[in-house]
Amino acid sequence: QSDLADLVNVRRETIGRLEQGLYCPSLRLAMDIAKVFDTTVEDLF
């Protein structure tokens, strides 16, 4: 989680909350994460 957090400039806790479905990302954050995994926002969320 910390690796991904560093890549998209958020805290590790934010990644944890995203994975649990407890936090809805901004469009910018969702796009940044999708870019890391070379996929679409729709595929992730």
PDB file of all heavy atoms in Angstrom:
ATOM      1  N   GLN A   1       0.837  -1.204   0.000  1.00  0.00           N
ATOM      2  CA  GLN A   1       0.000   0.000   0.000  1.00  0.00           C
ATOM      3  C   GLN A   1       0.867   1.247   0.000  1.00  0.00           C
ATOM      4  O   GLN A   1       0.573   2.216  -0.699  1.00  0.00           O
ATOM      5  CB  GLN A   1      -0.935   0.014   1.212  1.00  0.00           C
ATOM      6  CG  GLN A   1      -2.072  -0.963   1.122  1.00  0.00           C
ATOM      7  CD  GLN A   1      -2.970  -0.912   2.334  1.00  0.00           C
ATOM      8  OE1 GLN A   1      -2.624  -0.360   3.382  1.00  0.00           O
ATOM      9  NE2 GLN A   1      -4.153  -1.505   2.207  1.00  0.00           N
ATOM     10  N   SER A   2       1.940   1.216   0.744  1.00  0.00           N
ATOM     11  CA  SER A   2       2.821   2.381   0.830  1.00  0.00           C
ATOM     12  C   SER A   2       3.503   2.672  -0.508  1.00  0.00           C
ATOM     13  O   SER A   2       3.738   3.832  -0.844  1.00  0.00           O
ATOM     14  CB  SER A   2       3.852   2.206   1.944  1.00  0.00           C
ATOM     15  OG  SER A   2       4.621   1.039   1.735  1.00  0.00           O
ATOM     16  N   ASP A   3       3.809   1.620  -1.268  1.00  0.00           N
ATOM     17  CA  ASP A   3       4.418   1.819  -2.589  1.00  0.00           C
ATOM     18  C   ASP A   3       3.461   2.582  -3.504  1.00  0.00           C
ATOM     19  O   ASP A   3       3.858   3.550  -4.162  1.00  0.00           O
ATOM     20  CB  ASP A   3       4.766   0.481  -3.248  1.00  0.00           C
ATOM     21  CG  ASP A   3       5.806  -0.316  -2.477  1.00  0.00           C
ATOM     22  OD1 ASP A   3       6.662   0.303  -1.814  1.00  0.00           O
ATOM     23  OD2 ASP A   3       5.746  -1.557  -2.560  1.00  0.00           O
ATOM     24  N   LEU A   4       2.219   2.136  -3.542  1.00  0.00           N
ATOM     25  CA  LEU A   4       1.217   2.797  -4.379  1.00  0.00           C
ATOM     26  C   LEU A   4       0.963   4.211  -3.881  1.00  0.00           C
ATOM     27  O   LEU A   4       0.872   5.152  -4.678  1.00  0.00           O
ATOM     28  CB  LEU A   4      -0.083   1.989  -4.409  1.00  0.00           C
ATOM     29  CG  LEU A   4      -1.222   2.593  -5.212  1.00  0.00           C
ATOM     30  CD1 LEU A   4      -0.818   2.855  -6.664  1.00  0.00           C
ATOM     31  CD2 LEU A   4      -2.447   1.684  -5.144  1.00  0.00           C
ATOM     32  N   ALA A   5       0.864   4.366  -2.584  1.00  0.00           N
ATOM     33  CA  ALA A   5       0.628   5.687  -2.001  1.00  0.00           C
ATOM     34  C   ALA A   5       1.718   6.669  -2.432  1.00  0.00           C
ATOM     35  O   ALA A   5       1.419   7.806  -2.812  1.00  0.00           O
ATOM     36  CB  ALA A   5       0.563   5.590  -0.479  1.00  0.00           C
ATOM     37  N   ASP A   6       2.953   6.224  -2.397  1.00  0.00           N
ATOM     38  CA  ASP A   6       4.068   7.084  -2.814  1.00  0.00           C
ATOM     39  C   ASP A   6       3.948   7.480  -4.279  1.00  0.00           C
ATOM     40  O   ASP A   6       4.217   8.626  -4.648  1.00  0.00           O
ATOM     41  CB  ASP A   6       5.412   6.396  -2.580  1.00  0.00           C
ATOM     42  CG  ASP A   6       5.779   6.272  -1.109  1.00  0.00           C
ATOM     43  OD1 ASP A   6       5.172   6.987  -0.274  1.00  0.00           O
ATOM     44  OD2 ASP A   6       6.662   5.453  -0.793  1.00  0.00           O
ATOM     45  N   LEU A   7       3.534   6.537  -5.124  1.00  0.00           N
ATOM     46  CA  LEU A   7       3.426   6.810  -6.563  1.00  0.00           C
ATOM     47  C   LEU A   7       2.344   7.827  -6.903  1.00  0.00           C
ATOM     48  O   LEU A   7       2.459   8.553  -7.886  1.00  0.00           O
ATOM     49  CB  LEU A   7       3.165   5.510  -7.336  1.00  0.00           C
ATOM     50  CG  LEU A   7       4.339   4.539  -7.421  1.00  0.00           C
ATOM     51  CD1 LEU A   7       3.885   3.221  -8.029  1.00  0.00           C
ATOM     52  CD2 LEU A   7       5.465   5.152  -8.241  1.00  0.00           C
ATOM     53  N   VAL A   8       1.271   7.857  -6.093  1.00  0.00           N
ATOM     54  CA  VAL A   8       0.154   8.765  -6.398  1.00  0.00           C
ATOM     55  C   VAL A   8       0.044   9.903  -5.379  1.00  0.00           C
ATOM     56  O   VAL A   8      -0.953  10.630  -5.353  1.00  0.00           O
ATOM     57  CB  VAL A   8      -1.183   8.000  -6.540  1.00  0.00           C
ATOM     58  CG1 VAL A   8      -1.128   7.051  -7.722  1.00  0.00           C
ATOM     59  CG2 VAL A   8      -1.546   7.255  -5.259  1.00  0.00           C
ATOM     60  N   ASN A   9       1.056  10.035  -4.537  1.00  0.00           N
ATOM     61  CA  ASN A   9       1.158  11.157  -3.591  1.00  0.00           C
ATOM     62  C   ASN A   9       0.001  11.267  -2.606  1.00  0.00           C
ATOM     63  O   ASN A   9      -0.591  12.330  -2.424  1.00  0.00           O
ATOM     64  CB  ASN A   9       1.323  12.479  -4.353  1.00  0.00           C
ATOM     65  CG  ASN A   9       2.583  12.505  -5.167  1.00  0.00           C
ATOM     66  OD1 ASN A   9       3.652  12.169  -4.668  1.00  0.00           O
ATOM     67  ND2 ASN A   9       2.466  12.880  -6.420  1.00  0.00           N
ATOM     68  N   VAL A  10      -0.335  10.123  -1.985  1.00  0.00           N
ATOM     69  CA  VAL A  10      -1.315  10.118  -0.892  1.00  0.00           C
ATOM     70  C   VAL A  10      -0.721   9.311   0.257  1.00  0.00           C
ATOM     71  O   VAL A  10       0.333   8.688   0.123  1.00  0.00           O
ATOM     72  CB  VAL A  10      -2.685   9.521  -1.318  1.00  0.00           C
ATOM     73  CG1 VAL A  10      -3.325  10.349  -2.415  1.00  0.00           C
ATOM     74  CG2 VAL A  10      -2.552   8.069  -1.742  1.00  0.00           C
ATOM     75  N   ARG A  11      -1.430   9.303   1.378  1.00  0.00           N
ATOM     76  CA  ARG A  11      -0.979   8.515   2.532  1.00  0.00           C
ATOM     77  C   ARG A  11      -1.364   7.053   2.339  1.00  0.00           C
ATOM     78  O   ARG A  11      -2.322   6.731   1.652  1.00  0.00           O
ATOM     79  CB  ARG A  11      -1.608   9.052   3.808  1.00  0.00           C
ATOM     80  CG  ARG A  11      -1.120  10.463   4.134  1.00  0.00           C
ATOM     81  CD  ARG A  11      -1.805  11.071   5.318  1.00  0.00           C
ATOM     82  NE  ARG A  11      -2.023  10.100   6.391  1.00  0.00           N
ATOM     83  CZ  ARG A  11      -2.914  10.266   7.352  1.00  0.00           C
ATOM     84  NH1 ARG A  11      -3.670  11.337   7.403  1.00  0.00           N
ATOM     85  NH2 ARG A  11      -3.052   9.353   8.283  1.00  0.00           N
ATOM     86  N   ARG A  12      -0.623   6.166   2.957  1.00  0.00           N
ATOM     87  CA  ARG A  12      -0.923   4.736   2.893  1.00  0.00           C
ATOM     88  C   ARG A  12      -2.339   4.445   3.375  1.00  0.00           C
ATOM     89  O   ARG A  12      -3.042   3.609   2.827  1.00  0.00           O
ATOM     90  CB  ARG A  12       0.094   3.933   3.721  1.00  0.00           C
ATOM     91  CG  ARG A  12      -0.131   2.418   3.580  1.00  0.00           C
ATOM     92  CD  ARG A  12       0.360   1.630   4.776  1.00  0.00           C
ATOM     93  NE  ARG A  12      -0.124   2.082   6.051  1.00  0.00           N
ATOM     94  CZ  ARG A  12      -1.333   1.784   6.578  1.00  0.00           C
ATOM     95  NH1 ARG A  12      -2.198   1.061   5.910  1.00  0.00           N
ATOM     96  NH2 ARG A  12      -1.664   2.233   7.781  1.00  0.00           N
ATOM     97  N   GLU A  13      -2.762   5.178   4.384  1.00  0.00           N
ATOM     98  CA  GLU A  13      -4.111   4.978   4.928  1.00  0.00           C
ATOM     99  C   GLU A  13      -5.183   5.253   3.874  1.00  0.00           C
ATOM    100  O   GLU A  13      -6.234   4.606   3.875  1.00  0.00           O
ATOM    101  CB  GLU A  13      -4.335   5.877   6.154  1.00  0.00           C
ATOM    102  CG  GLU A  13      -3.498   5.493   7.366  1.00  0.00           C
ATOM    103  CD  GLU A  13      -2.070   6.042   7.347  1.00  0.00           C
ATOM    104  OE1 GLU A  13      -1.704   6.774   6.408  1.00  0.00           O
ATOM    105  OE2 GLU A  13      -1.309   5.713   8.268  1.00  0.00           O
ATOM    106  N   THR A  14      -4.922   6.193   2.994  1.00  0.00           N
ATOM    107  CA  THR A  14      -5.874   6.496   1.923  1.00  0.00           C
ATOM    108  C   THR A  14      -6.035   5.291   1.003  1.00  0.00           C
ATOM    109  O   THR A  14      -7.157   4.937   0.628  1.00  0.00           O
ATOM    110  CB  THR A  14      -5.414   7.728   1.122  1.00  0.00           C
ATOM    111  OG1 THR A  14      -5.314   8.837   2.010  1.00  0.00           O
ATOM    112  CG2 THR A  14      -6.368   8.048  -0.010  1.00  0.00           C
ATOM    113  N   ILE A  15      -4.934   4.641   0.675  1.00  0.00           N
ATOM    114  CA  ILE A  15      -5.003   3.445  -0.176  1.00  0.00           C
ATOM    115  C   ILE A  15      -5.791   2.346   0.548  1.00  0.00           C
ATOM    116  O   ILE A  15      -6.637   1.680  -0.055  1.00  0.00           O
ATOM    117  CB  ILE A  15      -3.591   2.951  -0.554  1.00  0.00           C
ATOM    118  CG1 ILE A  15      -2.823   4.041  -1.323  1.00  0.00           C
ATOM    119  CG2 ILE A  15      -3.673   1.650  -1.355  1.00  0.00           C
ATOM    120  CD1 ILE A  15      -3.469   4.501  -2.616  1.00  0.00           C
ATOM    121  N   GLY A  16      -5.546   2.174   1.818  1.00  0.00           N
ATOM    122  CA  GLY A  16      -6.284   1.176   2.599  1.00  0.00           C
ATOM    123  C   GLY A  16      -7.779   1.438   2.594  1.00  0.00           C
ATOM    124  O   GLY A  16      -8.585   0.526   2.418  1.00  0.00           O
ATOM    125  N   ARG A  17      -8.163   2.687   2.778  1.00  0.00           N
ATOM    126  CA  ARG A  17      -9.592   3.045   2.785  1.00  0.00           C
ATOM    127  C   ARG A  17     -10.209   2.866   1.398  1.00  0.00           C
ATOM    128  O   ARG A  17     -11.348   2.443   1.274  1.00  0.00           O
ATOM    129  CB  ARG A  17      -9.781   4.466   3.293  1.00  0.00           C
ATOM    130  CG  ARG A  17      -9.456   4.586   4.793  1.00  0.00           C
ATOM    131  CD  ARG A  17      -9.582   5.996   5.330  1.00  0.00           C
ATOM    132  NE  ARG A  17     -10.886   6.592   5.121  1.00  0.00           N
ATOM    133  CZ  ARG A  17     -11.962   6.407   5.903  1.00  0.00           C
ATOM    134  NH1 ARG A  17     -11.858   5.623   6.958  1.00  0.00           N
ATOM    135  NH2 ARG A  17     -13.093   7.007   5.639  1.00  0.00           N
ATOM    136  N   LEU A  18      -9.452   3.159   0.363  1.00  0.00           N
ATOM    137  CA  LEU A  18      -9.926   2.925  -1.004  1.00  0.00           C
ATOM    138  C   LEU A  18     -10.177   1.441  -1.230  1.00  0.00           C
ATOM    139  O   LEU A  18     -11.211   1.051  -1.788  1.00  0.00           O
ATOM    140  CB  LEU A  18      -8.909   3.433  -2.032  1.00  0.00           C
ATOM    141  CG  LEU A  18      -8.850   4.925  -2.259  1.00  0.00           C
ATOM    142  CD1 LEU A  18      -7.614   5.277  -3.072  1.00  0.00           C
ATOM    143  CD2 LEU A  18     -10.106   5.405  -2.965  1.00  0.00           C
ATOM    144  N   GLU A  19      -9.235   0.611  -0.810  1.00  0.00           N
ATOM    145  CA  GLU A  19      -9.362  -0.835  -0.999  1.00  0.00           C
ATOM    146  C   GLU A  19     -10.553  -1.412  -0.241  1.00  0.00           C
ATOM    147  O   GLU A  19     -11.164  -2.383  -0.689  1.00  0.00           O
ATOM    148  CB  GLU A  19      -8.078  -1.544  -0.558  1.00  0.00           C
ATOM    149  CG  GLU A  19      -6.919  -1.285  -1.495  1.00  0.00           C
ATOM    150  CD  GLU A  19      -5.649  -2.008  -1.113  1.00  0.00           C
ATOM    151  OE1 GLU A  19      -5.593  -2.662  -0.037  1.00  0.00           O
ATOM    152  OE2 GLU A  19      -4.696  -1.920  -1.893  1.00  0.00           O
ATOM    153  N   GLN A  20     -10.892  -0.814   0.878  1.00  0.00           N
ATOM    154  CA  GLN A  20     -12.028  -1.282   1.679  1.00  0.00           C
ATOM    155  C   GLN A  20     -13.354  -0.705   1.194  1.00  0.00           C
ATOM    156  O   GLN A  20     -14.416  -1.076   1.696  1.00  0.00           O
ATOM    157  CB  GLN A  20     -11.823  -0.895   3.134  1.00  0.00           C
ATOM    158  CG  GLN A  20     -10.645  -1.570   3.797  1.00  0.00           C
ATOM    159  CD  GLN A  20     -10.394  -1.018   5.181  1.00  0.00           C
ATOM    160  OE1 GLN A  20     -11.333  -0.741   5.926  1.00  0.00           O
ATOM    161  NE2 GLN A  20      -9.137  -0.829   5.524  1.00  0.00           N
ATOM    162  N   GLY A  21     -13.297   0.209   0.238  1.00  0.00           N
ATOM    163  CA  GLY A  21     -14.518   0.844  -0.245  1.00  0.00           C
ATOM    164  C   GLY A  21     -15.052   1.897   0.700  1.00  0.00           C
ATOM    165  O   GLY A  21     -16.215   2.284   0.621  1.00  0.00           O
ATOM    166  N   LEU A  22     -14.215   2.388   1.607  1.00  0.00           N
ATOM    167  CA  LEU A  22     -14.635   3.372   2.596  1.00  0.00           C
ATOM    168  C   LEU A  22     -14.393   4.810   2.149  1.00  0.00           C
ATOM    169  O   LEU A  22     -14.810   5.741   2.819  1.00  0.00           O
ATOM    170  CB  LEU A  22     -13.888   3.138   3.920  1.00  0.00           C
ATOM    171  CG  LEU A  22     -14.118   1.783   4.572  1.00  0.00           C
ATOM    172  CD1 LEU A  22     -13.217   1.634   5.790  1.00  0.00           C
ATOM    173  CD2 LEU A  22     -15.584   1.612   4.942  1.00  0.00           C
ATOM    174  N   TYR A  23     -13.686   4.961   1.035  1.00  0.00           N
ATOM    175  CA  TYR A  23     -13.332   6.287   0.549  1.00  0.00           C
ATOM    176  C   TYR A  23     -13.515   6.309  -0.951  1.00  0.00           C
ATOM    177  O   TYR A  23     -13.065   5.408  -1.654  1.00  0.00           O
ATOM    178  CB  TYR A  23     -11.877   6.586   0.930  1.00  0.00           C
ATOM    179  CG  TYR A  23     -11.330   7.891   0.394  1.00  0.00           C
ATOM    180  CD1 TYR A  23     -11.755   9.107   0.926  1.00  0.00           C
ATOM    181  CD2 TYR A  23     -10.394   7.911  -0.625  1.00  0.00           C
ATOM    182  CE1 TYR A  23     -11.248  10.307   0.448  1.00  0.00           C
ATOM    183  CE2 TYR A  23      -9.883   9.103  -1.103  1.00  0.00           C
ATOM    184  CZ  TYR A  23     -10.326  10.304  -0.574  1.00  0.00           C
ATOM    185  OH  TYR A  23      -9.827  11.486  -1.051  1.00  0.00           O
ATOM    186  N   CYS A  24     -14.194   7.325  -1.436  1.00  0.00           N
ATOM    187  CA  CYS A  24     -14.415   7.492  -2.868  1.00  0.00           C
ATOM    188  C   CYS A  24     -13.365   8.478  -3.393  1.00  0.00           C
ATOM    189  O   CYS A  24     -13.318   9.618  -2.949  1.00  0.00           O
ATOM    190  CB  CYS A  24     -15.827   8.012  -3.110  1.00  0.00           C
ATOM    191  SG  CYS A  24     -16.301   8.009  -4.832  1.00  0.00           S
ATOM    192  N   PRO A  25     -12.521   8.041  -4.318  1.00  0.00           N
ATOM    193  CA  PRO A  25     -11.428   8.907  -4.760  1.00  0.00           C
ATOM    194  C   PRO A  25     -11.906  10.053  -5.635  1.00  0.00           C
ATOM    195  O   PRO A  25     -12.947   9.961  -6.289  1.00  0.00           O
ATOM    196  CB  PRO A  25     -10.545   7.958  -5.572  1.00  0.00           C
ATOM    197  CG  PRO A  25     -11.515   6.984  -6.145  1.00  0.00           C
ATOM    198  CD  PRO A  25     -12.537   6.779  -5.048  1.00  0.00           C
ATOM    199  N   SER A  26     -11.127  11.107  -5.658  1.00  0.00           N
ATOM    200  CA  SER A  26     -11.375  12.179  -6.616  1.00  0.00           C
ATOM    201  C   SER A  26     -11.103  11.618  -8.008  1.00  0.00           C
ATOM    202  O   SER A  26     -10.432  10.588  -8.160  1.00  0.00           O
ATOM    203  CB  SER A  26     -10.444  13.363  -6.335  1.00  0.00           C
ATOM    204  OG  SER A  26      -9.101  12.991  -6.620  1.00  0.00           O
ATOM    205  N   LEU A  27     -11.602  12.294  -9.004  1.00  0.00           N
ATOM    206  CA  LEU A  27     -11.358  11.863 -10.375  1.00  0.00           C
ATOM    207  C   LEU A  27      -9.861  11.854 -10.668  1.00  0.00           C
ATOM    208  O   LEU A  27      -9.337  10.918 -11.275  1.00  0.00           O
ATOM    209  CB  LEU A  27     -12.103  12.767 -11.360  1.00  0.00           C
ATOM    210  CG  LEU A  27     -11.951  12.408 -12.830  1.00  0.00           C
ATOM    211  CD1 LEU A  27     -12.383  10.975 -13.095  1.00  0.00           C
ATOM    212  CD2 LEU A  27     -12.759  13.373 -13.677  1.00  0.00           C
ATOM    213  N   ARG A  28      -9.146  12.861 -10.210  1.00  0.00           N
ATOM    214  CA  ARG A  28      -7.699  12.945 -10.435  1.00  0.00           C
ATOM    215  C   ARG A  28      -6.988  11.757  -9.807  1.00  0.00           C
ATOM    216  O   ARG A  28      -6.139  11.122 -10.431  1.00  0.00           O
ATOM    217  CB  ARG A  28      -7.151  14.267  -9.866  1.00  0.00           C
ATOM    218  CG  ARG A  28      -5.635  14.380  -9.805  1.00  0.00           C
ATOM    219  CD  ARG A  28      -4.886  14.088 -11.088  1.00  0.00           C
ATOM    220  NE  ARG A  28      -5.234  15.016 -12.123  1.00  0.00           N
ATOM    221  CZ  ARG A  28      -5.020  14.795 -13.418  1.00  0.00           C
ATOM    222  NH1 ARG A  28      -4.454  13.680 -13.819  1.00  0.00           N
ATOM    223  NH2 ARG A  28      -5.365  15.675 -14.317  1.00  0.00           N
ATOM    224  N   LEU A  29      -7.323  11.425  -8.557  1.00  0.00           N
ATOM    225  CA  LEU A  29      -6.677  10.305  -7.888  1.00  0.00           C
ATOM    226  C   LEU A  29      -7.013   8.998  -8.597  1.00  0.00           C
ATOM    227  O   LEU A  29      -6.135   8.162  -8.823  1.00  0.00           O
ATOM    228  CB  LEU A  29      -7.079  10.237  -6.410  1.00  0.00           C
ATOM    229  CG  LEU A  29      -6.509   9.068  -5.603  1.00  0.00           C
ATOM    230  CD1 LEU A  29      -4.984   9.033  -5.680  1.00  0.00           C
ATOM    231  CD2 LEU A  29      -6.988   9.141  -4.160  1.00  0.00           C
ATOM    232  N   ALA A  30      -8.260   8.806  -8.960  1.00  0.00           N
ATOM    233  CA  ALA A  30      -8.663   7.586  -9.665  1.00  0.00           C
ATOM    234  C   ALA A  30      -7.896   7.441 -10.977  1.00  0.00           C
ATOM    235  O   ALA A  30      -7.428   6.352 -11.323  1.00  0.00           O
ATOM    236  CB  ALA A  30     -10.167   7.603  -9.920  1.00  0.00           C
ATOM    237  N   MET A  31      -7.738   8.540 -11.698  1.00  0.00           N
ATOM    238  CA  MET A  31      -7.000   8.508 -12.961  1.00  0.00           C
ATOM    239  C   MET A  31      -5.524   8.218 -12.730  1.00  0.00           C
ATOM    240  O   MET A  31      -4.912   7.452 -13.491  1.00  0.00           O
ATOM    241  CB  MET A  31      -7.190   9.831 -13.705  1.00  0.00           C
ATOM    242  CG  MET A  31      -8.602  10.013 -14.225  1.00  0.00           C
ATOM    243  SD  MET A  31      -8.922  11.646 -14.932  1.00  0.00           S
ATOM    244  CE  MET A  31      -7.777  11.679 -16.289  1.00  0.00           C
ATOM    245  N   ASP A  32      -4.941   8.795 -11.691  1.00  0.00           N
ATOM    246  CA  ASP A  32      -3.532   8.543 -11.379  1.00  0.00           C
ATOM    247  C   ASP A  32      -3.300   7.071 -11.029  1.00  0.00           C
ATOM    248  O   ASP A  32      -2.318   6.466 -11.468  1.00  0.00           O
ATOM    249  CB  ASP A  32      -3.054   9.432 -10.231  1.00  0.00           C
ATOM    250  CG  ASP A  32      -2.907  10.893 -10.626  1.00  0.00           C
ATOM    251  OD1 ASP A  32      -2.925  11.194 -11.839  1.00  0.00           O
ATOM    252  OD2 ASP A  32      -2.783  11.727  -9.713  1.00  0.00           O
ATOM    253  N   ILE A  33      -4.200   6.497 -10.250  1.00  0.00           N
ATOM    254  CA  ILE A  33      -4.077   5.083  -9.877  1.00  0.00           C
ATOM    255  C   ILE A  33      -4.243   4.200 -11.117  1.00  0.00           C
ATOM    256  O   ILE A  33      -3.481   3.248 -11.317  1.00  0.00           O
ATOM    257  CB  ILE A  33      -5.089   4.714  -8.780  1.00  0.00           C
ATOM    258  CG1 ILE A  33      -4.740   5.436  -7.473  1.00  0.00           C
ATOM    259  CG2 ILE A  33      -5.113   3.198  -8.565  1.00  0.00           C
ATOM    260  CD1 ILE A  33      -5.800   5.318  -6.398  1.00  0.00           C
ATOM    261  N   ALA A  34      -5.216   4.507 -11.948  1.00  0.00           N
ATOM    262  CA  ALA A  34      -5.433   3.729 -13.169  1.00  0.00           C
ATOM    263  C   ALA A  34      -4.190   3.763 -14.050  1.00  0.00           C
ATOM    264  O   ALA A  34      -3.809   2.751 -14.650  1.00  0.00           O
ATOM    265  CB  ALA A  34      -6.649   4.258 -13.918  1.00  0.00           C
ATOM    266  N   LYS A  35      -3.547   4.905 -14.108  1.00  0.00           N
ATOM    267  CA  LYS A  35      -2.329   5.049 -14.917  1.00  0.00           C
ATOM    268  C   LYS A  35      -1.210   4.148 -14.387  1.00  0.00           C
ATOM    269  O   LYS A  35      -0.483   3.525 -15.164  1.00  0.00           O
ATOM    270  CB  LYS A  35      -1.892   6.508 -14.924  1.00  0.00           C
ATOM    271  CG  LYS A  35      -0.816   6.833 -15.917  1.00  0.00           C
ATOM    272  CD  LYS A  35      -0.571   8.334 -15.940  1.00  0.00           C
ATOM    273  CE  LYS A  35       0.388   8.715 -17.049  1.00  0.00           C
ATOM    274  NZ  LYS A  35       0.596  10.166 -17.096  1.00  0.00           N
ATOM    275  N   VAL A  36      -1.070   4.060 -13.074  1.00  0.00           N
ATOM    276  CA  VAL A  36      -0.052   3.200 -12.470  1.00  0.00           C
ATOM    277  C   VAL A  36      -0.240   1.758 -12.920  1.00  0.00           C
ATOM    278  O   VAL A  36       0.726   1.048 -13.222  1.00  0.00           O
ATOM    279  CB  VAL A  36      -0.098   3.287 -10.920  1.00  0.00           C
ATOM    280  CG1 VAL A  36       0.729   2.179 -10.286  1.00  0.00           C
ATOM    281  CG2 VAL A  36       0.379   4.654 -10.447  1.00  0.00           C
ATOM    282  N   PHE A  37      -1.498   1.325 -13.002  1.00  0.00           N
ATOM    283  CA  PHE A  37      -1.788  -0.070 -13.348  1.00  0.00           C
ATOM    284  C   PHE A  37      -2.102  -0.266 -14.830  1.00  0.00           C
ATOM    285  O   PHE A  37      -2.475  -1.366 -15.242  1.00  0.00           O
ATOM    286  CB  PHE A  37      -2.934  -0.591 -12.481  1.00  0.00           C
ATOM    287  CG  PHE A  37      -2.580  -0.644 -11.025  1.00  0.00           C
ATOM    288  CD1 PHE A  37      -3.233   0.157 -10.108  1.00  0.00           C
ATOM    289  CD2 PHE A  37      -1.564  -1.469 -10.572  1.00  0.00           C
ATOM    290  CE1 PHE A  37      -2.895   0.118  -8.759  1.00  0.00           C
ATOM    291  CE2 PHE A  37      -1.215  -1.512  -9.230  1.00  0.00           C
ATOM    292  CZ  PHE A  37      -1.892  -0.713  -8.323  1.00  0.00           C
ATOM    293  N   ASP A  38      -1.952   0.792 -15.613  1.00  0.00           N
ATOM    294  CA  ASP A  38      -2.219   0.736 -17.052  1.00  0.00           C
ATOM    295  C   ASP A  38      -3.599   0.126 -17.330  1.00  0.00           C
ATOM    296  O   ASP A  38      -3.744  -0.825 -18.100  1.00  0.00           O
ATOM    297  CB  ASP A  38      -1.123  -0.057 -17.773  1.00  0.00           C
ATOM    298  CG  ASP A  38      -1.191   0.122 -19.281  1.00  0.00           C
ATOM    299  OD1 ASP A  38      -1.642   1.196 -19.733  1.00  0.00           O
ATOM    300  OD2 ASP A  38      -0.800  -0.814 -20.011  1.00  0.00           O
ATOM    301  N   THR A  39      -4.599   0.689 -16.666  1.00  0.00           N
ATOM    302  CA  THR A  39      -5.975   0.230 -16.824  1.00  0.00           C
ATOM    303  C   THR A  39      -6.896   1.431 -16.791  1.00  0.00           C
ATOM    304  O   THR A  39      -6.443   2.569 -16.836  1.00  0.00           O
ATOM    305  CB  THR A  39      -6.317  -0.811 -15.734  1.00  0.00           C
ATOM    306  OG1 THR A  39      -7.554  -1.445 -16.064  1.00  0.00           O
ATOM    307  CG2 THR A  39      -6.395  -0.194 -14.348  1.00  0.00           C
ATOM    308  N   THR A  40      -8.187   1.189 -16.729  1.00  0.00           N
ATOM    309  CA  THR A  40      -9.158   2.276 -16.703  1.00  0.00           C
ATOM    310  C   THR A  40      -9.702   2.485 -15.297  1.00  0.00           C
ATOM    311  O   THR A  40      -9.667   1.570 -14.459  1.00  0.00           O
ATOM    312  CB  THR A  40     -10.342   1.976 -17.641  1.00  0.00           C
ATOM    313  OG1 THR A  40     -11.038   0.816 -17.142  1.00  0.00           O
ATOM    314  CG2 THR A  40      -9.874   1.728 -19.065  1.00  0.00           C
ATOM    315  N   VAL A  41     -10.223   3.658 -15.070  1.00  0.00           N
ATOM    316  CA  VAL A  41     -10.885   3.954 -13.795  1.00  0.00           C
ATOM    317  C   VAL A  41     -12.039   2.984 -13.589  1.00  0.00           C
ATOM    318  O   VAL A  41     -12.243   2.459 -12.491  1.00  0.00           O
ATOM    319  CB  VAL A  41     -11.367   5.427 -13.761  1.00  0.00           C
ATOM    320  CG1 VAL A  41     -12.250   5.681 -12.552  1.00  0.00           C
ATOM    321  CG2 VAL A  41     -10.182   6.373 -13.790  1.00  0.00           C
ATOM    322  N   GLU A  42     -12.787   2.717 -14.659  1.00  0.00           N
ATOM    323  CA  GLU A  42     -13.938   1.808 -14.571  1.00  0.00           C
ATOM    324  C   GLU A  42     -13.527   0.398 -14.184  1.00  0.00           C
ATOM    325  O   GLU A  42     -14.297  -0.320 -13.535  1.00  0.00           O
ATOM    326  CB  GLU A  42     -14.704   1.776 -15.904  1.00  0.00           C
ATOM    327  CG  GLU A  42     -15.349   3.085 -16.272  1.00  0.00           C
ATOM    328  CD  GLU A  42     -14.411   4.066 -16.990  1.00  0.00           C
ATOM    329  OE1 GLU A  42     -13.228   3.735 -17.225  1.00  0.00           O
ATOM    330  OE2 GLU A  42     -14.866   5.171 -17.298  1.00  0.00           O
ATOM    331  N   ASP A  43     -12.325  -0.010 -14.563  1.00  0.00           N
ATOM    332  CA  ASP A  43     -11.840  -1.337 -14.193  1.00  0.00           C
ATOM    333  C   ASP A  43     -11.485  -1.399 -12.712  1.00  0.00           C
ATOM    334  O   ASP A  43     -11.605  -2.449 -12.089  1.00  0.00           O
ATOM    335  CB  ASP A  43     -10.625  -1.707 -15.047  1.00  0.00           C
ATOM    336  CG  ASP A  43     -10.162  -3.136 -14.819  1.00  0.00           C
ATOM    337  OD1 ASP A  43     -11.026  -4.037 -14.743  1.00  0.00           O
ATOM    338  OD2 ASP A  43      -8.944  -3.345 -14.718  1.00  0.00           O
ATOM    339  N   LEU A  44     -11.080  -0.295 -12.148  1.00  0.00           N
ATOM    340  CA  LEU A  44     -10.665  -0.252 -10.741  1.00  0.00           C
ATOM    341  C   LEU A  44     -11.811  -0.005  -9.771  1.00  0.00           C
ATOM    342  O   LEU A  44     -11.834  -0.553  -8.679  1.00  0.00           O
ATOM    343  CB  LEU A  44      -9.616   0.846 -10.535  1.00  0.00           C
ATOM    344  CG  LEU A  44      -8.240   0.596 -11.129  1.00  0.00           C
ATOM    345  CD1 LEU A  44      -7.393   1.850 -11.009  1.00  0.00           C
ATOM    346  CD2 LEU A  44      -7.562  -0.570 -10.449  1.00  0.00           C
ATOM    347  N   PHE A  45     -12.752   0.851 -10.164  1.00  0.00           N
ATOM    348  CA  PHE A  45     -13.809   1.285  -9.248  1.00  0.00           C
ATOM    349  C   PHE A  45     -15.166   1.115  -9.904  1.00  0.00           C
ATOM    350  O   PHE A  45     -15.352   1.482 -11.063  1.00  0.00           O
ATOM    351  CB  PHE A  45     -13.623   2.763  -8.869  1.00  0.00           C
ATOM    352  CG  PHE A  45     -12.282   3.063  -8.274  1.00  0.00           C
ATOM    353  CD1 PHE A  45     -11.274   3.637  -9.036  1.00  0.00           C
ATOM    354  CD2 PHE A  45     -12.011   2.762  -6.946  1.00  0.00           C
ATOM    355  CE1 PHE A  45     -10.029   3.918  -8.492  1.00  0.00           C
ATOM    356  CE2 PHE A  45     -10.769   3.031  -6.395  1.00  0.00           C
ATOM    357  CZ  PHE A  45      -9.778   3.609  -7.169  1.00  0.00           C
TER     358      PHE A  45
END
